[in-house]
Every structure is written in structure tokens, then in C-alpha cells.
Amino acid sequence: MKKRKILIIDDNVAFTNIVKLTLEGKEDYEVCTENDSRMAISTARKCLPDIILMDVIMPEMDGVEVEAQFKADPTLKHIPIIFLTAVVRQ
């Protein structure tokens, strides 16, 4: 059975590592990660994921800006994106 490829784009390295370990532990997924939103397109072209999990709020480029780049790229525009975000209240 072919593993499904997932790309996680999030500036939080700890979060991406935890999700990667969790998904790869299921043995059904191959996970790529990118912690710099400016590099998301380049990483996606290398990984060619089946789906993308992406943070909305990132310091370099927010998720909406990154999504616009994906939609403008003929190779990547068909890939579904699930947006994730969290609010931390102090």
C-alpha cells in the first residue's frame, strides 16, 4: 500500500515534530515538514503531498498568503489544505 504524503507547514518546530511522529507512527503516512512559510512552495514541490496541514498565523507569511501561492502554481493548486491555528490566552 502506498503511503499518503502530508506536508505540515507551521513555524512551531515542536508542534510539527509531534504531529509528524504521531502520523508516521500509524505507518500509513509519510510526513514532510516546513517551519519557514517562505519556503513552503519549494518544500511542497519536493514532497508533492496529498494534503497540507498549515498554520494560519506565521511570522514570515501568513497561511492565506501561502495558500495564494499554492493556488497560482499549476503543480500544487489541486492539493487540499487544512488550516490549523491556536489561540493562547494568558
Foldseek 3Di string as FASTA:
>chain_A
DAAAEEEEEALDPVVLVVVQVVVVVVVRYDYHYHNDLVCVVVSCVVRVGQAYEYEQDDPPDGPVVSLVVQCVDPSRNVRYYHYDYDDDDD
